[in-house]
Amino acid sequence: MAISKAQQKAVTKYVKNRYDRFGLTMPKGHLEEVKAHAEAHSESVNGFINRAISETMERDKKPPVGPGEPTEGNNDE
């Protein structure tokens, strides 16, 4: 089924109004690794990258664990 110019224009407008976009540069060959990882987890590359960013940002909000302090899930008391 062919997509009309009007449909293409509508989709472009929708994406422009609801999403931020940016280019991602990575070393040659790394994209294939990312694609394979995403596929192995039934995700798109975009979904995997967004999840990785979200999880990293959430993790980075937590205060750092000092030496000798128990880590999350480690109850060696």
Protein backbone atom coordinates (compact mmCIF):
# COMPACT_ATOMS: atom_id res chain seq x y z
CA MET A 1 0.00 0.00 0.00
CA ALA A 2 1.47 3.31 -1.08
CA ILE A 3 1.64 6.23 1.32
CA SER A 4 0.40 9.54 -0.04
CA LYS A 5 2.35 12.80 0.21
CA ALA A 6 -0.32 14.08 2.63
CA GLN A 7 0.20 11.06 4.91
CA GLN A 8 3.98 11.51 4.81
CA LYS A 9 3.56 15.19 5.68
CA ALA A 10 1.20 14.36 8.57
CA VAL A 11 3.60 11.77 10.03
CA THR A 12 6.55 14.18 9.71
CA LYS A 13 4.57 16.89 11.51
CA TYR A 14 3.49 14.45 14.25
CA VAL A 15 7.06 13.28 14.88
CA LYS A 16 8.44 16.84 14.82
CA ASN A 17 5.90 18.00 17.41
CA ARG A 18 6.27 15.07 19.79
CA TYR A 19 9.86 13.88 19.66
CA ASP A 20 13.36 15.26 19.95
CA ARG A 21 15.83 13.82 17.50
CA PHE A 22 19.61 13.77 17.36
CA GLY A 23 22.33 11.93 15.49
CA LEU A 24 24.35 9.27 17.27
CA THR A 25 27.92 8.55 16.25
CA MET A 26 29.69 5.36 17.27
CA PRO A 27 32.79 3.45 16.16
CA LYS A 28 32.51 1.37 12.99
CA GLY A 29 31.10 -2.07 13.73
CA HIS A 30 29.55 -1.09 17.06
CA LEU A 31 26.13 -0.52 15.50
CA GLU A 32 25.97 -4.18 14.48
CA GLU A 33 26.63 -5.17 18.11
CA VAL A 34 23.89 -2.81 19.31
CA LYS A 35 21.45 -4.16 16.71
CA ALA A 36 22.21 -7.76 17.72
CA HIS A 37 21.78 -6.95 21.42
CA ALA A 38 18.48 -5.15 20.83
CA GLU A 39 17.16 -7.98 18.66
CA ALA A 40 18.19 -10.58 21.27
CA HIS A 41 16.02 -8.69 23.77
CA SER A 42 13.11 -8.22 21.33
CA GLU A 43 13.67 -4.46 21.14
CA SER A 44 14.27 -1.97 18.40
CA VAL A 45 17.62 -0.18 18.40
CA ASN A 46 15.80 3.03 19.33
CA GLY A 47 13.95 1.30 22.18
CA PHE A 48 17.16 -0.26 23.49
CA ILE A 49 19.07 3.04 23.41
CA ASN A 50 16.22 4.87 25.15
CA ARG A 51 16.03 2.14 27.83
CA ALA A 52 19.80 2.21 28.33
CA ILE A 53 19.75 5.99 28.75
CA SER A 54 16.78 5.91 31.15
CA GLU A 55 18.25 3.12 33.29
CA THR A 56 21.65 4.81 33.44
CA MET A 57 20.14 8.17 34.40
CA GLU A 58 18.04 6.50 37.13
CA ARG A 59 21.09 4.63 38.44
CA ASP A 60 23.16 7.82 38.43
CA LYS A 61 20.59 9.59 40.64
CA LYS A 62 21.45 7.24 43.51
CA PRO A 63 24.27 8.32 45.82
CA PRO A 64 27.54 6.49 45.21
CA VAL A 65 28.29 3.54 47.46
CA GLY A 66 31.47 3.99 49.48
CA PRO A 67 34.02 1.28 50.21
CA GLY A 68 32.75 -1.22 52.77
CA GLU A 69 29.12 -0.12 52.41
CA PRO A 70 26.61 -2.75 51.37
CA THR A 71 25.36 -2.49 47.80
CA GLU A 72 21.72 -2.82 46.86
CA GLY A 73 20.56 -6.40 47.25
CA ASN A 74 23.62 -7.32 49.30
CA ASN A 75 22.59 -7.93 52.92
CA ASP A 76 25.79 -9.30 54.42
CA GLU A 77 24.83 -8.28 57.95
